[in-house]
Amino acid sequence: MLSPDPTTVLERVRAACLALAESDETISHGIPAFRVAGKMFAYFRHNHHGDDMTVVCVKTTGRDEQELLIEADPDLYSWPAYLGPSGWIALNLAPADTDWTHVAERLRTSWRLAAPKRLQVEV
């Protein structure tokens, strides 16, 4: 599902990502991406290759976690094109009732998976 207001959704994702230590934003493959110490931890996608979805892609611990998340909540989680085989999951951000606290927690988890150990104590 596409968000009717992707700019506002991106701003919420951006605020959550940039609040994390040593995070910055870049453009990767034409889309907003967020990294910590040079490693990607989130990608914002809106209608990526015409998929009719507004999502943020985040890192997971791997295939088992991906499958568990998709099975537990297939309306929220999905397999992201290109990134899925590398352990990423997509969170649907289109619903008006998106749980932004949960999204922020998933972003923090993804950040932890990418961040160097010296930063791990800060979050």
PDB file of N, CA and C in Angstrom:
ATOM      1  N   MET A   1       0.845  -1.172   0.000  1.00  0.00           N
ATOM      2  CA  MET A   1       0.000   0.000   0.000  1.00  0.00           C
ATOM      3  C   MET A   1       0.899   1.246   0.000  1.00  0.00           C
ATOM      4  N   LEU A   2       0.524   2.234  -0.785  1.00  0.00           N
ATOM      5  CA  LEU A   2       1.261   3.498  -0.857  1.00  0.00           C
ATOM      6  C   LEU A   2       0.728   4.497   0.162  1.00  0.00           C
ATOM      7  N   SER A   3       1.638   5.230   0.754  1.00  0.00           N
ATOM      8  CA  SER A   3       1.236   6.312   1.642  1.00  0.00           C
ATOM      9  C   SER A   3       0.755   7.488   0.802  1.00  0.00           C
ATOM     10  N   PRO A   4      -0.348   8.140   1.209  1.00  0.00           N
ATOM     11  CA  PRO A   4      -0.792   9.322   0.480  1.00  0.00           C
ATOM     12  C   PRO A   4       0.115  10.530   0.734  1.00  0.00           C
ATOM     13  N   ASP A   5       0.978  10.431   1.762  1.00  0.00           N
ATOM     14  CA  ASP A   5       1.855  11.543   2.122  1.00  0.00           C
ATOM     15  C   ASP A   5       3.274  11.041   2.414  1.00  0.00           C
ATOM     16  N   PRO A   6       3.992  10.592   1.369  1.00  0.00           N
ATOM     17  CA  PRO A   6       5.316  10.013   1.605  1.00  0.00           C
ATOM     18  C   PRO A   6       6.330  10.989   2.186  1.00  0.00           C
ATOM     19  N   THR A   7       6.151  12.274   1.942  1.00  0.00           N
ATOM     20  CA  THR A   7       7.087  13.259   2.484  1.00  0.00           C
ATOM     21  C   THR A   7       7.037  13.271   4.008  1.00  0.00           C
ATOM     22  N   THR A   8       5.833  13.251   4.574  1.00  0.00           N
ATOM     23  CA  THR A   8       5.690  13.226   6.026  1.00  0.00           C
ATOM     24  C   THR A   8       6.215  11.916   6.599  1.00  0.00           C
ATOM     25  N   VAL A   9       5.942  10.819   5.924  1.00  0.00           N
ATOM     26  CA  VAL A   9       6.436   9.515   6.379  1.00  0.00           C
ATOM     27  C   VAL A   9       7.965   9.510   6.381  1.00  0.00           C
ATOM     28  N   LEU A  10       8.579   9.994   5.296  1.00  0.00           N
ATOM     29  CA  LEU A  10      10.038  10.065   5.236  1.00  0.00           C
ATOM     30  C   LEU A  10      10.580  10.939   6.354  1.00  0.00           C
ATOM     31  N   GLU A  11       9.935  12.049   6.635  1.00  0.00           N
ATOM     32  CA  GLU A  11      10.411  12.924   7.717  1.00  0.00           C
ATOM     33  C   GLU A  11      10.416  12.201   9.064  1.00  0.00           C
ATOM     34  N   ARG A  12       9.410  11.367   9.315  1.00  0.00           N
ATOM     35  CA  ARG A  12       9.355  10.603  10.567  1.00  0.00           C
ATOM     36  C   ARG A  12      10.477   9.568  10.616  1.00  0.00           C
ATOM     37  N   VAL A  13      10.703   8.886   9.505  1.00  0.00           N
ATOM     38  CA  VAL A  13      11.796   7.917   9.435  1.00  0.00           C
ATOM     39  C   VAL A  13      13.131   8.635   9.622  1.00  0.00           C
ATOM     40  N   ARG A  14      13.305   9.729   8.923  1.00  0.00           N
ATOM     41  CA  ARG A  14      14.544  10.508   9.004  1.00  0.00           C
ATOM     42  C   ARG A  14      14.818  10.948  10.442  1.00  0.00           C
ATOM     43  N   ALA A  15      13.815  11.470  11.114  1.00  0.00           N
ATOM     44  CA  ALA A  15      13.996  11.935  12.496  1.00  0.00           C
ATOM     45  C   ALA A  15      14.421  10.783  13.405  1.00  0.00           C
ATOM     46  N   ALA A  16      13.791   9.629  13.257  1.00  0.00           N
ATOM     47  CA  ALA A  16      14.136   8.477  14.096  1.00  0.00           C
ATOM     48  C   ALA A  16      15.558   7.990  13.803  1.00  0.00           C
ATOM     49  N   CYS A  17      15.925   7.943  12.533  1.00  0.00           N
ATOM     50  CA  CYS A  17      17.263   7.470  12.167  1.00  0.00           C
ATOM     51  C   CYS A  17      18.353   8.429  12.608  1.00  0.00           C
ATOM     52  N   LEU A  18      18.153   9.711  12.350  1.00  0.00           N
ATOM     53  CA  LEU A  18      19.212  10.679  12.651  1.00  0.00           C
ATOM     54  C   LEU A  18      19.351  10.968  14.139  1.00  0.00           C
ATOM     55  N   ALA A  19      18.388  10.506  14.943  1.00  0.00           N
ATOM     56  CA  ALA A  19      18.501  10.628  16.399  1.00  0.00           C
ATOM     57  C   ALA A  19      19.486   9.606  16.980  1.00  0.00           C
ATOM     58  N   LEU A  20      19.853   8.617  16.185  1.00  0.00           N
ATOM     59  CA  LEU A  20      20.769   7.575  16.640  1.00  0.00           C
ATOM     60  C   LEU A  20      22.217   8.022  16.430  1.00  0.00           C
ATOM     61  N   ALA A  21      23.083   7.653  17.356  1.00  0.00           N
ATOM     62  CA  ALA A  21      24.475   8.111  17.368  1.00  0.00           C
ATOM     63  C   ALA A  21      25.184   7.865  16.043  1.00  0.00           C
ATOM     64  N   GLU A  22      25.898   8.887  15.599  1.00  0.00           N
ATOM     65  CA  GLU A  22      26.741   8.848  14.408  1.00  0.00           C
ATOM     66  C   GLU A  22      26.017   8.409  13.139  1.00  0.00           C
ATOM     67  N   SER A  23      24.711   8.660  13.080  1.00  0.00           N
ATOM     68  CA  SER A  23      23.929   8.325  11.891  1.00  0.00           C
ATOM     69  C   SER A  23      23.929   9.488  10.922  1.00  0.00           C
ATOM     70  N   ASP A  24      23.866   9.156   9.660  1.00  0.00           N
ATOM     71  CA  ASP A  24      23.710  10.184   8.643  1.00  0.00           C
ATOM     72  C   ASP A  24      22.849   9.649   7.511  1.00  0.00           C
ATOM     73  N   GLU A  25      22.484  10.550   6.620  1.00  0.00           N
ATOM     74  CA  GLU A  25      21.633  10.200   5.484  1.00  0.00           C
ATOM     75  C   GLU A  25      22.414  10.380   4.198  1.00  0.00           C
ATOM     76  N   THR A  26      22.148   9.500   3.266  1.00  0.00           N
ATOM     77  CA  THR A  26      22.740   9.582   1.945  1.00  0.00           C
ATOM     78  C   THR A  26      21.697   9.115   0.933  1.00  0.00           C
ATOM     79  N   ILE A  27      22.010   9.244  -0.310  1.00  0.00           N
ATOM     80  CA  ILE A  27      21.157   8.683  -1.362  1.00  0.00           C
ATOM     81  C   ILE A  27      21.882   7.454  -1.899  1.00  0.00           C
ATOM     82  N   SER A  28      21.180   6.339  -1.900  1.00  0.00           N
ATOM     83  CA  SER A  28      21.743   5.097  -2.411  1.00  0.00           C
ATOM     84  C   SER A  28      20.768   4.512  -3.423  1.00  0.00           C
ATOM     85  N   HIS A  29      21.237   4.307  -4.626  1.00  0.00           N
ATOM     86  CA  HIS A  29      20.387   3.786  -5.698  1.00  0.00           C
ATOM     87  C   HIS A  29      19.136   4.656  -5.882  1.00  0.00           C
ATOM     88  N   GLY A  30      19.300   5.962  -5.677  1.00  0.00           N
ATOM     89  CA  GLY A  30      18.221   6.908  -5.920  1.00  0.00           C
ATOM     90  C   GLY A  30      17.211   7.059  -4.794  1.00  0.00           C
ATOM     91  N   ILE A  31      17.451   6.434  -3.649  1.00  0.00           N
ATOM     92  CA  ILE A  31      16.502   6.524  -2.530  1.00  0.00           C
ATOM     93  C   ILE A  31      17.221   6.951  -1.251  1.00  0.00           C
ATOM     94  N   PRO A  32      16.476   7.551  -0.306  1.00  0.00           N
ATOM     95  CA  PRO A  32      17.087   7.920   0.968  1.00  0.00           C
ATOM     96  C   PRO A  32      17.544   6.681   1.737  1.00  0.00           C
ATOM     97  N   ALA A  33      18.769   6.745   2.229  1.00  0.00           N
ATOM     98  CA  ALA A  33      19.350   5.646   2.993  1.00  0.00           C
ATOM     99  C   ALA A  33      20.033   6.230   4.223  1.00  0.00           C
ATOM    100  N   PHE A  34      20.071   5.430   5.262  1.00  0.00           N
ATOM    101  CA  PHE A  34      20.639   5.888   6.530  1.00  0.00           C
ATOM    102  C   PHE A  34      21.726   4.924   6.951  1.00  0.00           C
ATOM    103  N   ARG A  35      22.817   5.483   7.453  1.00  0.00           N
ATOM    104  CA  ARG A  35      23.956   4.664   7.818  1.00  0.00           C
ATOM    105  C   ARG A  35      24.542   5.117   9.149  1.00  0.00           C
ATOM    106  N   VAL A  36      25.274   4.213   9.739  1.00  0.00           N
ATOM    107  CA  VAL A  36      26.012   4.498  10.963  1.00  0.00           C
ATOM    108  C   VAL A  36      27.453   4.079  10.709  1.00  0.00           C
ATOM    109  N   ALA A  37      28.366   4.984  10.970  1.00  0.00           N
ATOM    110  CA  ALA A  37      29.791   4.707  10.763  1.00  0.00           C
ATOM    111  C   ALA A  37      30.030   4.084   9.378  1.00  0.00           C
ATOM    112  N   GLY A  38      29.304   4.586   8.381  1.00  0.00           N
ATOM    113  CA  GLY A  38      29.488   4.147   7.003  1.00  0.00           C
ATOM    114  C   GLY A  38      28.745   2.887   6.602  1.00  0.00           C
ATOM    115  N   LYS A  39      28.001   2.256   7.528  1.00  0.00           N
ATOM    116  CA  LYS A  39      27.257   1.031   7.214  1.00  0.00           C
ATOM    117  C   LYS A  39      25.760   1.327   7.183  1.00  0.00           C
ATOM    118  N   MET A  40      25.100   0.867   6.139  1.00  0.00           N
ATOM    119  CA  MET A  40      23.666   1.102   5.985  1.00  0.00           C
ATOM    120  C   MET A  40      22.873   0.353   7.051  1.00  0.00           C
ATOM    121  N   PHE A  41      21.824   1.038   7.559  1.00  0.00           N
ATOM    122  CA  PHE A  41      20.916   0.358   8.475  1.00  0.00           C
ATOM    123  C   PHE A  41      19.447   0.597   8.131  1.00  0.00           C
ATOM    124  N   ALA A  42      19.146   1.474   7.183  1.00  0.00           N
ATOM    125  CA  ALA A  42      17.754   1.687   6.780  1.00  0.00           C
ATOM    126  C   ALA A  42      17.699   2.305   5.384  1.00  0.00           C
ATOM    127  N   TYR A  43      16.669   1.883   4.646  1.00  0.00           N
ATOM    128  CA  TYR A  43      16.372   2.450   3.332  1.00  0.00           C
ATOM    129  C   TYR A  43      14.889   2.811   3.309  1.00  0.00           C
ATOM    130  N   PHE A  44      14.578   3.999   2.830  1.00  0.00           N
ATOM    131  CA  PHE A  44      13.185   4.408   2.667  1.00  0.00           C
ATOM    132  C   PHE A  44      12.802   4.189   1.214  1.00  0.00           C
ATOM    133  N   ARG A  45      11.689   3.489   1.002  1.00  0.00           N
ATOM    134  CA  ARG A  45      11.217   3.223  -0.360  1.00  0.00           C
ATOM    135  C   ARG A  45       9.759   3.640  -0.489  1.00  0.00           C
ATOM    136  N   HIS A  46       9.481   4.378  -1.546  1.00  0.00           N
ATOM    137  CA  HIS A  46       8.106   4.747  -1.880  1.00  0.00           C
ATOM    138  C   HIS A  46       7.879   4.393  -3.343  1.00  0.00           C
ATOM    139  N   ASN A  47       7.022   3.397  -3.568  1.00  0.00           N
ATOM    140  CA  ASN A  47       6.711   2.916  -4.909  1.00  0.00           C
ATOM    141  C   ASN A  47       7.976   2.480  -5.655  1.00  0.00           C
ATOM    142  N   HIS A  48       8.829   1.766  -4.959  1.00  0.00           N
ATOM    143  CA  HIS A  48      10.100   1.279  -5.504  1.00  0.00           C
ATOM    144  C   HIS A  48       9.839   0.356  -6.691  1.00  0.00           C
ATOM    145  N   HIS A  49      10.283   0.747  -7.859  1.00  0.00           N
ATOM    146  CA  HIS A  49      10.064  -0.010  -9.103  1.00  0.00           C
ATOM    147  C   HIS A  49       8.586  -0.343  -9.305  1.00  0.00           C
ATOM    148  N   GLY A  50       7.712   0.582  -8.884  1.00  0.00           N
ATOM    149  CA  GLY A  50       6.282   0.417  -9.102  1.00  0.00           C
ATOM    150  C   GLY A  50       5.619  -0.641  -8.228  1.00  0.00           C
ATOM    151  N   ASP A  51       6.159  -0.879  -7.034  1.00  0.00           N
ATOM    152  CA  ASP A  51       5.610  -1.929  -6.167  1.00  0.00           C
ATOM    153  C   ASP A  51       4.390  -1.503  -5.351  1.00  0.00           C
ATOM    154  N   ASP A  52       3.977  -0.228  -5.478  1.00  0.00           N
ATOM    155  CA  ASP A  52       2.801   0.291  -4.758  1.00  0.00           C
ATOM    156  C   ASP A  52       2.918   0.150  -3.243  1.00  0.00           C
ATOM    157  N   MET A  53       4.125   0.348  -2.713  1.00  0.00           N
ATOM    158  CA  MET A  53       4.345   0.243  -1.270  1.00  0.00           C
ATOM    159  C   MET A  53       5.182   1.416  -0.768  1.00  0.00           C
ATOM    160  N   THR A  54       4.913   1.828   0.459  1.00  0.00           N
ATOM    161  CA  THR A  54       5.755   2.790   1.168  1.00  0.00           C
ATOM    162  C   THR A  54       6.295   2.043   2.379  1.00  0.00           C
ATOM    163  N   VAL A  55       7.610   1.814   2.390  1.00  0.00           N
ATOM    164  CA  VAL A  55       8.227   0.995   3.429  1.00  0.00           C
ATOM    165  C   VAL A  55       9.556   1.583   3.881  1.00  0.00           C
ATOM    166  N   VAL A  56      10.006   1.099   5.025  1.00  0.00           N
ATOM    167  CA  VAL A  56      11.392   1.285   5.421  1.00  0.00           C
ATOM    168  C   VAL A  56      11.977  -0.116   5.536  1.00  0.00           C
ATOM    169  N   CYS A  57      13.143  -0.297   4.941  1.00  0.00           N
ATOM    170  CA  CYS A  57      13.830  -1.588   4.990  1.00  0.00           C
ATOM    171  C   CYS A  57      14.895  -1.512   6.078  1.00  0.00           C
ATOM    172  N   VAL A  58      14.918  -2.547   6.924  1.00  0.00           N
ATOM    173  CA  VAL A  58      15.855  -2.584   8.054  1.00  0.00           C
ATOM    174  C   VAL A  58      16.536  -3.947   8.109  1.00  0.00           C
ATOM    175  N   LYS A  59      17.675  -3.975   8.767  1.00  0.00           N
ATOM    176  CA  LYS A  59      18.426  -5.211   8.930  1.00  0.00           C
ATOM    177  C   LYS A  59      17.754  -6.111   9.967  1.00  0.00           C
ATOM    178  N   THR A  60      17.947  -7.417   9.795  1.00  0.00           N
ATOM    179  CA  THR A  60      17.533  -8.409  10.788  1.00  0.00           C
ATOM    180  C   THR A  60      18.736  -9.297  11.078  1.00  0.00           C
ATOM    181  N   THR A  61      18.546 -10.245  11.971  1.00  0.00           N
ATOM    182  CA  THR A  61      19.628 -11.185  12.269  1.00  0.00           C
ATOM    183  C   THR A  61      19.723 -12.287  11.224  1.00  0.00           C
ATOM    184  N   GLY A  62      18.779 -12.339  10.303  1.00  0.00           N
ATOM    185  CA  GLY A  62      18.863 -13.323   9.232  1.00  0.00           C
ATOM    186  C   GLY A  62      17.532 -13.956   8.882  1.00  0.00           C
ATOM    187  N   ARG A  63      17.602 -15.007   8.106  1.00  0.00           N
ATOM    188  CA  ARG A  63      16.428 -15.647   7.526  1.00  0.00           C
ATOM    189  C   ARG A  63      15.398 -16.082   8.567  1.00  0.00           C
ATOM    190  N   ASP A  64      15.842 -16.658   9.671  1.00  0.00           N
ATOM    191  CA  ASP A  64      14.896 -17.109  10.697  1.00  0.00           C
ATOM    192  C   ASP A  64      14.068 -15.942  11.233  1.00  0.00           C
ATOM    193  N   GLU A  65      14.719 -14.833  11.532  1.00  0.00           N
ATOM    194  CA  GLU A  65      13.984 -13.663  12.032  1.00  0.00           C
ATOM    195  C   GLU A  65      13.064 -13.104  10.956  1.00  0.00           C
ATOM    196  N   GLN A  66      13.525 -13.039   9.722  1.00  0.00           N
ATOM    197  CA  GLN A  66      12.685 -12.557   8.629  1.00  0.00           C
ATOM    198  C   GLN A  66      11.402 -13.382   8.522  1.00  0.00           C
ATOM    199  N   GLU A  67      11.546 -14.687   8.501  1.00  0.00           N
ATOM    200  CA  GLU A  67      10.385 -15.566   8.374  1.00  0.00           C
ATOM    201  C   GLU A  67       9.442 -15.430   9.562  1.00  0.00           C
ATOM    202  N   LEU A  68      10.003 -15.333  10.754  1.00  0.00           N
ATOM    203  CA  LEU A  68       9.197 -15.159  11.959  1.00  0.00           C
ATOM    204  C   LEU A  68       8.385 -13.866  11.890  1.00  0.00           C
ATOM    205  N   LEU A  69       9.006 -12.774  11.494  1.00  0.00           N
ATOM    206  CA  LEU A  69       8.329 -11.481  11.423  1.00  0.00           C
ATOM    207  C   LEU A  69       7.214 -11.495  10.373  1.00  0.00           C
ATOM    208  N   ILE A  70       7.510 -12.017   9.191  1.00  0.00           N
ATOM    209  CA  ILE A  70       6.506 -12.052   8.127  1.00  0.00           C
ATOM    210  C   ILE A  70       5.335 -12.942   8.526  1.00  0.00           C
ATOM    211  N   GLU A  71       5.620 -14.075   9.146  1.00  0.00           N
ATOM    212  CA  GLU A  71       4.551 -14.971   9.579  1.00  0.00           C
ATOM    213  C   GLU A  71       3.706 -14.333  10.679  1.00  0.00           C
ATOM    214  N   ALA A  72       4.363 -13.642  11.608  1.00  0.00           N
ATOM    215  CA  ALA A  72       3.651 -13.027  12.740  1.00  0.00           C
ATOM    216  C   ALA A  72       2.764 -11.872  12.306  1.00  0.00           C
ATOM    217  N   ASP A  73       3.211 -11.085  11.314  1.00  0.00           N
ATOM    218  CA  ASP A  73       2.433  -9.909  10.908  1.00  0.00           C
ATOM    219  C   ASP A  73       2.676  -9.593   9.428  1.00  0.00           C
ATOM    220  N   PRO A  74       2.033 -10.343   8.526  1.00  0.00           N
ATOM    221  CA  PRO A  74       2.260 -10.139   7.088  1.00  0.00           C
ATOM    222  C   PRO A  74       1.732  -8.806   6.554  1.00  0.00           C
ATOM    223  N   ASP A  75       0.876  -8.125   7.313  1.00  0.00           N
ATOM    224  CA  ASP A  75       0.429  -6.793   6.889  1.00  0.00           C
ATOM    225  C   ASP A  75       1.490  -5.733   7.172  1.00  0.00           C
ATOM    226  N   LEU A  76       2.354  -6.002   8.137  1.00  0.00           N
ATOM    227  CA  LEU A  76       3.404  -5.054   8.515  1.00  0.00           C
ATOM    228  C   LEU A  76       4.726  -5.376   7.819  1.00  0.00           C
ATOM    229  N   TYR A  77       5.099  -6.638   7.811  1.00  0.00           N
ATOM    230  CA  TYR A  77       6.409  -7.047   7.304  1.00  0.00           C
ATOM    231  C   TYR A  77       6.303  -7.724   5.942  1.00  0.00           C
ATOM    232  N   SER A  78       7.316  -7.467   5.114  1.00  0.00           N
ATOM    233  CA  SER A  78       7.383  -8.132   3.813  1.00  0.00           C
ATOM    234  C   SER A  78       8.840  -8.296   3.412  1.00  0.00           C
ATOM    235  N   TRP A  79       9.029  -9.134   2.414  1.00  0.00           N
ATOM    236  CA  TRP A  79      10.347  -9.433   1.872  1.00  0.00           C
ATOM    237  C   TRP A  79      10.722  -8.330   0.881  1.00  0.00           C
ATOM    238  N   PRO A  80      11.756  -7.531   1.157  1.00  0.00           N
ATOM    239  CA  PRO A  80      12.113  -6.443   0.234  1.00  0.00           C
ATOM    240  C   PRO A  80      12.900  -6.936  -0.980  1.00  0.00           C
ATOM    241  N   ALA A  81      12.526  -6.446  -2.138  1.00  0.00           N
ATOM    242  CA  ALA A  81      13.257  -6.778  -3.359  1.00  0.00           C
ATOM    243  C   ALA A  81      14.728  -6.409  -3.191  1.00  0.00           C
ATOM    244  N   TYR A  82      15.595  -7.256  -3.689  1.00  0.00           N
ATOM    245  CA  TYR A  82      17.054  -7.074  -3.709  1.00  0.00           C
ATOM    246  C   TYR A  82      17.705  -7.225  -2.334  1.00  0.00           C
ATOM    247  N   LEU A  83      17.090  -6.708  -1.277  1.00  0.00           N
ATOM    248  CA  LEU A  83      17.711  -6.701   0.044  1.00  0.00           C
ATOM    249  C   LEU A  83      17.369  -7.930   0.883  1.00  0.00           C
ATOM    250  N   GLY A  84      16.254  -8.559   0.598  1.00  0.00           N
ATOM    251  CA  GLY A  84      15.801  -9.698   1.388  1.00  0.00           C
ATOM    252  C   GLY A  84      16.841 -10.793   1.567  1.00  0.00           C
ATOM    253  N   PRO A  85      17.503 -11.233   0.492  1.00  0.00           N
ATOM    254  CA  PRO A  85      18.490 -12.303   0.645  1.00  0.00           C
ATOM    255  C   PRO A  85      19.676 -11.928   1.545  1.00  0.00           C
ATOM    256  N   SER A  86      19.863 -10.645   1.776  1.00  0.00           N
ATOM    257  CA  SER A  86      20.962 -10.192   2.640  1.00  0.00           C
ATOM    258  C   SER A  86      20.514  -9.952   4.083  1.00  0.00           C
ATOM    259  N   GLY A  87      19.306 -10.398   4.432  1.00  0.00           N
ATOM    260  CA  GLY A  87      18.864 -10.310   5.823  1.00  0.00           C
ATOM    261  C   GLY A  87      18.047  -9.083   6.169  1.00  0.00           C
ATOM    262  N   TRP A  88      17.493  -8.406   5.181  1.00  0.00           N
ATOM    263  CA  TRP A  88      16.692  -7.210   5.429  1.00  0.00           C
ATOM    264  C   TRP A  88      15.201  -7.546   5.400  1.00  0.00           C
ATOM    265  N   ILE A  89      14.408  -6.718   6.051  1.00  0.00           N
ATOM    266  CA  ILE A  89      12.948  -6.852   6.078  1.00  0.00           C
ATOM    267  C   ILE A  89      12.347  -5.473   5.796  1.00  0.00           C
ATOM    268  N   ALA A  90      11.171  -5.447   5.193  1.00  0.00           N
ATOM    269  CA  ALA A  90      10.485  -4.178   4.920  1.00  0.00           C
ATOM    270  C   ALA A  90       9.316  -4.017   5.886  1.00  0.00           C
ATOM    271  N   LEU A  91       9.161  -2.812   6.438  1.00  0.00           N
ATOM    272  CA  LEU A  91       8.019  -2.477   7.287  1.00  0.00           C
ATOM    273  C   LEU A  91       7.094  -1.554   6.520  1.00  0.00           C
ATOM    274  N   ASN A  92       5.829  -1.896   6.452  1.00  0.00           N
ATOM    275  CA  ASN A  92       4.820  -1.112   5.765  1.00  0.00           C
ATOM    276  C   ASN A  92       4.537   0.172   6.565  1.00  0.00           C
ATOM    277  N   LEU A  93       4.747   1.318   5.944  1.00  0.00           N
ATOM    278  CA  LEU A  93       4.536   2.607   6.609  1.00  0.00           C
ATOM    279  C   LEU A  93       3.316   3.351   6.085  1.00  0.00           C
ATOM    280  N   ALA A  94       2.542   2.737   5.216  1.00  0.00           N
ATOM    281  CA  ALA A  94       1.414   3.412   4.588  1.00  0.00           C
ATOM    282  C   ALA A  94       0.181   3.582   5.482  1.00  0.00           C
ATOM    283  N   PRO A  95      -0.123   2.641   6.373  1.00  0.00           N
ATOM    284  CA  PRO A  95      -1.368   2.788   7.145  1.00  0.00           C
ATOM    285  C   PRO A  95      -1.395   4.055   8.003  1.00  0.00           C
ATOM    286  N   ALA A  96      -2.561   4.648   8.099  1.00  0.00           N
ATOM    287  CA  ALA A  96      -2.722   5.842   8.941  1.00  0.00           C
ATOM    288  C   ALA A  96      -2.432   5.537  10.401  1.00  0.00           C
ATOM    289  N   ASP A  97      -2.648   4.283  10.799  1.00  0.00           N
ATOM    290  CA  ASP A  97      -2.427   3.910  12.201  1.00  0.00           C
ATOM    291  C   ASP A  97      -1.066   3.239  12.422  1.00  0.00           C
ATOM    292  N   THR A  98      -0.074   3.580  11.609  1.00  0.00           N
ATOM    293  CA  THR A  98       1.275   3.034  11.772  1.00  0.00           C
ATOM    294  C   THR A  98       1.746   3.249  13.204  1.00  0.00           C
ATOM    295  N   ASP A  99       2.292   2.207  13.799  1.00  0.00           N
ATOM    296  CA  ASP A  99       2.831   2.272  15.167  1.00  0.00           C
ATOM    297  C   ASP A  99       4.264   2.805  15.082  1.00  0.00           C
ATOM    298  N   TRP A 100       4.401   4.107  15.215  1.00  0.00           N
ATOM    299  CA  TRP A 100       5.706   4.746  15.045  1.00  0.00           C
ATOM    300  C   TRP A 100       6.679   4.408  16.163  1.00  0.00           C
ATOM    301  N   THR A 101       6.190   4.045  17.321  1.00  0.00           N
ATOM    302  CA  THR A 101       7.070   3.600  18.407  1.00  0.00           C
ATOM    303  C   THR A 101       7.725   2.281  17.996  1.00  0.00           C
ATOM    304  N   HIS A 102       6.933   1.386  17.416  1.00  0.00           N
ATOM    305  CA  HIS A 102       7.467   0.108  16.940  1.00  0.00           C
ATOM    306  C   HIS A 102       8.467   0.328  15.792  1.00  0.00           C
ATOM    307  N   VAL A 103       8.128   1.203  14.874  1.00  0.00           N
ATOM    308  CA  VAL A 103       9.039   1.503  13.760  1.00  0.00           C
ATOM    309  C   VAL A 103      10.367   2.024  14.306  1.00  0.00           C
ATOM    310  N   ALA A 104      10.319   2.936  15.254  1.00  0.00           N
ATOM    311  CA  ALA A 104      11.550   3.485  15.840  1.00  0.00           C
ATOM    312  C   ALA A 104      12.371   2.389  16.512  1.00  0.00           C
ATOM    313  N   GLU A 105      11.712   1.448  17.171  1.00  0.00           N
ATOM    314  CA  GLU A 105      12.431   0.347  17.814  1.00  0.00           C
ATOM    315  C   GLU A 105      13.096  -0.555  16.777  1.00  0.00           C
ATOM    316  N   ARG A 106      12.395  -0.841  15.676  1.00  0.00           N
ATOM    317  CA  ARG A 106      13.004  -1.652  14.614  1.00  0.00           C
ATOM    318  C   ARG A 106      14.195  -0.918  13.987  1.00  0.00           C
ATOM    319  N   LEU A 107      14.088   0.405  13.857  1.00  0.00           N
ATOM    320  CA  LEU A 107      15.216   1.183  13.343  1.00  0.00           C
ATOM    321  C   LEU A 107      16.398   1.120  14.300  1.00  0.00           C
ATOM    322  N   ARG A 108      16.135   1.201  15.614  1.00  0.00           N
ATOM    323  CA  ARG A 108      17.213   1.085  16.612  1.00  0.00           C
ATOM    324  C   ARG A 108      17.859  -0.300  16.547  1.00  0.00           C
ATOM    325  N   THR A 109      17.049  -1.327  16.390  1.00  0.00           N
ATOM    326  CA  THR A 109      17.586  -2.689  16.284  1.00  0.00           C
ATOM    327  C   THR A 109      18.477  -2.810  15.057  1.00  0.00           C
ATOM    328  N   SER A 110      18.034  -2.273  13.944  1.00  0.00           N
ATOM    329  CA  SER A 110      18.817  -2.309  12.715  1.00  0.00           C
ATOM    330  C   SER A 110      20.122  -1.522  12.893  1.00  0.00           C
ATOM    331  N   TRP A 111      20.016  -0.372  13.537  1.00  0.00           N
ATOM    332  CA  TRP A 111      21.203   0.440  13.819  1.00  0.00           C
ATOM    333  C   TRP A 111      22.203  -0.370  14.640  1.00  0.00           C
ATOM    334  N   ARG A 112      21.717  -1.069  15.667  1.00  0.00           N
ATOM    335  CA  ARG A 112      22.603  -1.887  16.514  1.00  0.00           C
ATOM    336  C   ARG A 112      23.314  -2.967  15.704  1.00  0.00           C
ATOM    337  N   LEU A 113      22.610  -3.546  14.731  1.00  0.00           N
ATOM    338  CA  LEU A 113      23.211  -4.589  13.902  1.00  0.00           C
ATOM    339  C   LEU A 113      24.304  -4.039  12.985  1.00  0.00           C
ATOM    340  N   ALA A 114      24.251  -2.768  12.674  1.00  0.00           N
ATOM    341  CA  ALA A 114      25.234  -2.156  11.773  1.00  0.00           C
ATOM    342  C   ALA A 114      26.325  -1.377  12.514  1.00  0.00           C
ATOM    343  N   ALA A 115      26.026  -0.899  13.701  1.00  0.00           N
ATOM    344  CA  ALA A 115      26.939   0.002  14.427  1.00  0.00           C
ATOM    345  C   ALA A 115      28.168  -0.722  14.965  1.00  0.00           C
ATOM    346  N   PRO A 116      29.299  -0.011  15.019  1.00  0.00           N
ATOM    347  CA  PRO A 116      30.481  -0.601  15.639  1.00  0.00           C
ATOM    348  C   PRO A 116      30.259  -0.785  17.149  1.00  0.00           C
ATOM    349  N   LYS A 117      30.980  -1.714  17.715  1.00  0.00           N
ATOM    350  CA  LYS A 117      30.813  -2.045  19.136  1.00  0.00           C
ATOM    351  C   LYS A 117      30.982  -0.838  20.054  1.00  0.00           C
ATOM    352  N   ARG A 118      31.848   0.084  19.703  1.00  0.00           N
ATOM    353  CA  ARG A 118      32.080   1.254  20.565  1.00  0.00           C
ATOM    354  C   ARG A 118      30.824   2.102  20.758  1.00  0.00           C
ATOM    355  N   LEU A 119      29.868   2.004  19.835  1.00  0.00           N
ATOM    356  CA  LEU A 119      28.623   2.762  19.943  1.00  0.00           C
ATOM    357  C   LEU A 119      27.506   1.976  20.622  1.00  0.00           C
ATOM    358  N   GLN A 120      27.656   0.681  20.757  1.00  0.00           N
ATOM    359  CA  GLN A 120      26.580  -0.163  21.260  1.00  0.00           C
ATOM    360  C   GLN A 120      26.075   0.245  22.643  1.00  0.00           C
ATOM    361  N   VAL A 121      26.916   0.781  23.489  1.00  0.00           N
ATOM    362  CA  VAL A 121      26.504   1.156  24.850  1.00  0.00           C
ATOM    363  C   VAL A 121      25.653   2.411  24.864  1.00  0.00           C
ATOM    364  N   GLU A 122      25.666   3.178  23.760  1.00  0.00           N
ATOM    365  CA  GLU A 122      24.962   4.465  23.730  1.00  0.00           C
ATOM    366  C   GLU A 122      23.473   4.339  23.470  1.00  0.00           C
ATOM    367  N   VAL A 123      23.021   3.215  22.931  1.00  0.00           N
ATOM    368  CA  VAL A 123      21.588   3.090  22.601  1.00  0.00           C
ATOM    369  C   VAL A 123      20.993   1.905  23.306  1.00  0.00           C
TER     370      VAL A 123
END
